[in-house]
C-alpha atoms as a PDB file:
ATOM      1  CA  UNK A   1       0.118   0.005  -0.161  1.00  0.00           C
ATOM      2  CA  UNK A   2       1.098   3.422  -0.790  1.00  0.00           C
ATOM      3  CA  UNK A   3       0.084   6.926   0.371  1.00  0.00           C
ATOM      4  CA  UNK A   4       0.910  10.169  -1.130  1.00  0.00           C
ATOM      5  CA  UNK A   5       0.204  13.259  -0.372  1.00  0.00           C
ATOM      6  CA  UNK A   6       0.651  16.348   1.255  1.00  0.00           C
ATOM      7  CA  UNK A   7       0.643  15.559   5.184  1.00  0.00           C
ATOM      8  CA  UNK A   8       1.655  17.864   7.392  1.00  0.00           C
ATOM      9  CA  UNK A   9       3.470  17.374  10.717  1.00  0.00           C
ATOM     10  CA  UNK A  10       1.405  17.823  13.494  1.00  0.00           C
ATOM     11  CA  UNK A  11      -1.724  17.669  11.765  1.00  0.00           C
ATOM     12  CA  UNK A  12      -2.150  14.354  10.013  1.00  0.00           C
ATOM     13  CA  UNK A  13      -0.819  12.112  12.683  1.00  0.00           C
ATOM     14  CA  UNK A  14      -3.705  11.183  14.726  1.00  0.00           C
ATOM     15  CA  UNK A  15      -5.854   9.461  12.195  1.00  0.00           C
ATOM     16  CA  UNK A  16      -2.815   8.036  10.058  1.00  0.00           C
ATOM     17  CA  UNK A  17      -1.521   6.242  13.226  1.00  0.00           C
ATOM     18  CA  UNK A  18      -5.339   5.046  13.912  1.00  0.00           C
ATOM     19  CA  UNK A  19      -5.480   3.191  10.560  1.00  0.00           C
ATOM     20  CA  UNK A  20      -1.931   2.218  10.590  1.00  0.00           C
ATOM     21  CA  UNK A  21      -2.375   0.297  14.326  1.00  0.00           C
ATOM     22  CA  UNK A  22      -5.104  -2.082  12.453  1.00  0.00           C
ATOM     23  CA  UNK A  23      -2.592  -2.948   8.848  1.00  0.00           C
ATOM     24  CA  UNK A  24      -0.054  -4.888   8.646  1.00  0.00           C
ATOM     25  CA  UNK A  25       2.268  -2.758   6.898  1.00  0.00           C
ATOM     26  CA  UNK A  26       5.773  -1.117   6.792  1.00  0.00           C
ATOM     27  CA  UNK A  27       5.659   2.689   7.111  1.00  0.00           C
ATOM     28  CA  UNK A  28       8.633   4.548   5.153  1.00  0.00           C
ATOM     29  CA  UNK A  29       8.320   7.895   4.604  1.00  0.00           C
ATOM     30  CA  UNK A  30       9.745  10.350   1.760  1.00  0.00           C
ATOM     31  CA  UNK A  31      10.304  13.896   2.336  1.00  0.00           C
ATOM     32  CA  UNK A  32      10.171  15.817  -0.531  1.00  0.00           C
ATOM     33  CA  UNK A  33      12.308  19.316  -0.682  1.00  0.00           C
ATOM     34  CA  UNK A  34      13.870  21.539  -3.140  1.00  0.00           C
ATOM     35  CA  UNK A  35      15.438  24.832  -3.166  1.00  0.00           C
ATOM     36  CA  UNK A  36      13.150  27.898  -2.194  1.00  0.00           C
ATOM     37  CA  UNK A  37      13.820  29.545  -6.012  1.00  0.00           C
ATOM     38  CA  UNK A  38      13.135  25.791  -7.866  1.00  0.00           C
ATOM     39  CA  UNK A  39       9.669  25.402  -5.256  1.00  0.00           C
ATOM     40  CA  UNK A  40       8.528  28.825  -6.287  1.00  0.00           C
ATOM     41  CA  UNK A  41       9.209  28.510 -10.153  1.00  0.00           C
ATOM     42  CA  UNK A  42       7.680  25.419 -10.195  1.00  0.00           C
ATOM     43  CA  UNK A  43       4.468  25.956  -8.406  1.00  0.00           C
ATOM     44  CA  UNK A  44       4.316  29.573 -10.647  1.00  0.00           C
ATOM     45  CA  UNK A  45       4.352  27.215 -13.436  1.00  0.00           C
ATOM     46  CA  UNK A  46       1.537  24.899 -12.144  1.00  0.00           C
ATOM     47  CA  UNK A  47      -0.826  27.773 -11.121  1.00  0.00           C
ATOM     48  CA  UNK A  48      -0.679  28.568 -14.747  1.00  0.00           C
ATOM     49  CA  UNK A  49      -1.565  25.264 -16.248  1.00  0.00           C
ATOM     50  CA  UNK A  50      -5.293  25.122 -17.210  1.00  0.00           C
ATOM     51  CA  UNK A  51      -5.207  21.302 -16.639  1.00  0.00           C
ATOM     52  CA  UNK A  52      -4.354  21.412 -13.145  1.00  0.00           C
ATOM     53  CA  UNK A  53      -6.737  21.182 -10.531  1.00  0.00           C
ATOM     54  CA  UNK A  54      -7.432  23.661  -8.408  1.00  0.00           C
ATOM     55  CA  UNK A  55      -7.690  21.478  -5.540  1.00  0.00           C
ATOM     56  CA  UNK A  56      -3.772  21.850  -6.021  1.00  0.00           C
ATOM     57  CA  UNK A  57      -3.669  25.253  -4.580  1.00  0.00           C
ATOM     58  CA  UNK A  58      -0.551  26.086  -6.268  1.00  0.00           C
ATOM     59  CA  UNK A  59      -0.765  30.037  -5.926  1.00  0.00           C
ATOM     60  CA  UNK A  60      -1.584  29.470  -1.741  1.00  0.00           C
ATOM     61  CA  UNK A  61       1.580  27.616  -1.537  1.00  0.00           C
ATOM     62  CA  UNK A  62       3.568  30.122  -2.900  1.00  0.00           C
ATOM     63  CA  UNK A  63       3.053  31.788   0.183  1.00  0.00           C
ATOM     64  CA  UNK A  64       4.148  28.487   2.594  1.00  0.00           C
ATOM     65  CA  UNK A  65       7.005  28.209   4.716  1.00  0.00           C
ATOM     66  CA  UNK A  66       9.618  25.917   3.571  1.00  0.00           C
ATOM     67  CA  UNK A  67      10.218  25.739   6.877  1.00  0.00           C
ATOM     68  CA  UNK A  68       7.073  23.476   7.620  1.00  0.00           C
ATOM     69  CA  UNK A  69       8.578  20.267   5.796  1.00  0.00           C
ATOM     70  CA  UNK A  70       8.843  17.977   8.198  1.00  0.00           C
ATOM     71  CA  UNK A  71       8.381  14.244   8.663  1.00  0.00           C
ATOM     72  CA  UNK A  72       5.406  12.842  10.241  1.00  0.00           C
ATOM     73  CA  UNK A  73       5.884  11.391  13.968  1.00  0.00           C
ATOM     74  CA  UNK A  74       5.119   8.051  12.368  1.00  0.00           C
ATOM     75  CA  UNK A  75       6.906   4.884  13.309  1.00  0.00           C
ATOM     76  CA  UNK A  76       9.242   3.474  10.219  1.00  0.00           C
ATOM     77  CA  UNK A  77      12.317   4.590   7.916  1.00  0.00           C
ATOM     78  CA  UNK A  78      12.797   8.199   7.039  1.00  0.00           C
ATOM     79  CA  UNK A  79      14.354   8.831   3.494  1.00  0.00           C
ATOM     80  CA  UNK A  80      14.950  12.572   2.531  1.00  0.00           C
ATOM     81  CA  UNK A  81      14.995  13.843  -1.043  1.00  0.00           C
ATOM     82  CA  UNK A  82      15.756  16.915  -2.483  1.00  0.00           C
ATOM     83  CA  UNK A  83      14.191  17.089  -5.668  1.00  0.00           C
ATOM     84  CA  UNK A  84      16.052  20.390  -6.824  1.00  0.00           C
ATOM     85  CA  UNK A  85      17.660  18.141 -10.040  1.00  0.00           C
ATOM     86  CA  UNK A  86      14.686  16.051 -10.384  1.00  0.00           C
ATOM     87  CA  UNK A  87      16.456  13.538 -12.869  1.00  0.00           C
ATOM     88  CA  UNK A  88      18.739  12.351 -10.229  1.00  0.00           C
ATOM     89  CA  UNK A  89      16.403  12.416  -7.259  1.00  0.00           C
ATOM     90  CA  UNK A  90      14.143  10.008  -8.905  1.00  0.00           C
ATOM     91  CA  UNK A  91      17.199   7.365  -9.390  1.00  0.00           C
ATOM     92  CA  UNK A  92      18.392   8.339  -6.048  1.00  0.00           C
ATOM     93  CA  UNK A  93      14.990   7.760  -4.265  1.00  0.00           C
ATOM     94  CA  UNK A  94      14.476   4.512  -5.819  1.00  0.00           C
ATOM     95  CA  UNK A  95      17.771   3.535  -4.600  1.00  0.00           C
ATOM     96  CA  UNK A  96      17.341   4.329  -1.350  1.00  0.00           C
ATOM     97  CA  UNK A  97      13.330   2.567  -1.438  1.00  0.00           C
ATOM     98  CA  UNK A  98      15.250  -0.766  -2.370  1.00  0.00           C
ATOM     99  CA  UNK A  99      17.737  -0.010   0.337  1.00  0.00           C
ATOM    100  CA  UNK A 100      15.425   0.417   2.979  1.00  0.00           C
ATOM    101  CA  UNK A 101      12.722  -2.176   1.954  1.00  0.00           C
ATOM    102  CA  UNK A 102      15.432  -4.788   2.021  1.00  0.00           C
ATOM    103  CA  UNK A 103      16.501  -5.168   5.529  1.00  0.00           C
END
């Protein structure tokens, strides 16, 4: 099972912990971050994409503090992925996940 989303530390842990308590799953968090100028450029580009769903709130997220990026207080492994260089970060993420899952 995989969960993907814009989960926020301090807000989403109670609901996730309640669900995870009843499931035989292994948790691996992947926290994706990027350089601030790259984050802003990506969001600006996305907010002008007419095919993008407004629920993504790209314009709102331009003003979000990148300091709010944090792992959730959940059991399991944690991987930090810097996506500034998108091409190399995908391969790095897969290699790191394979290593964690092999243990």
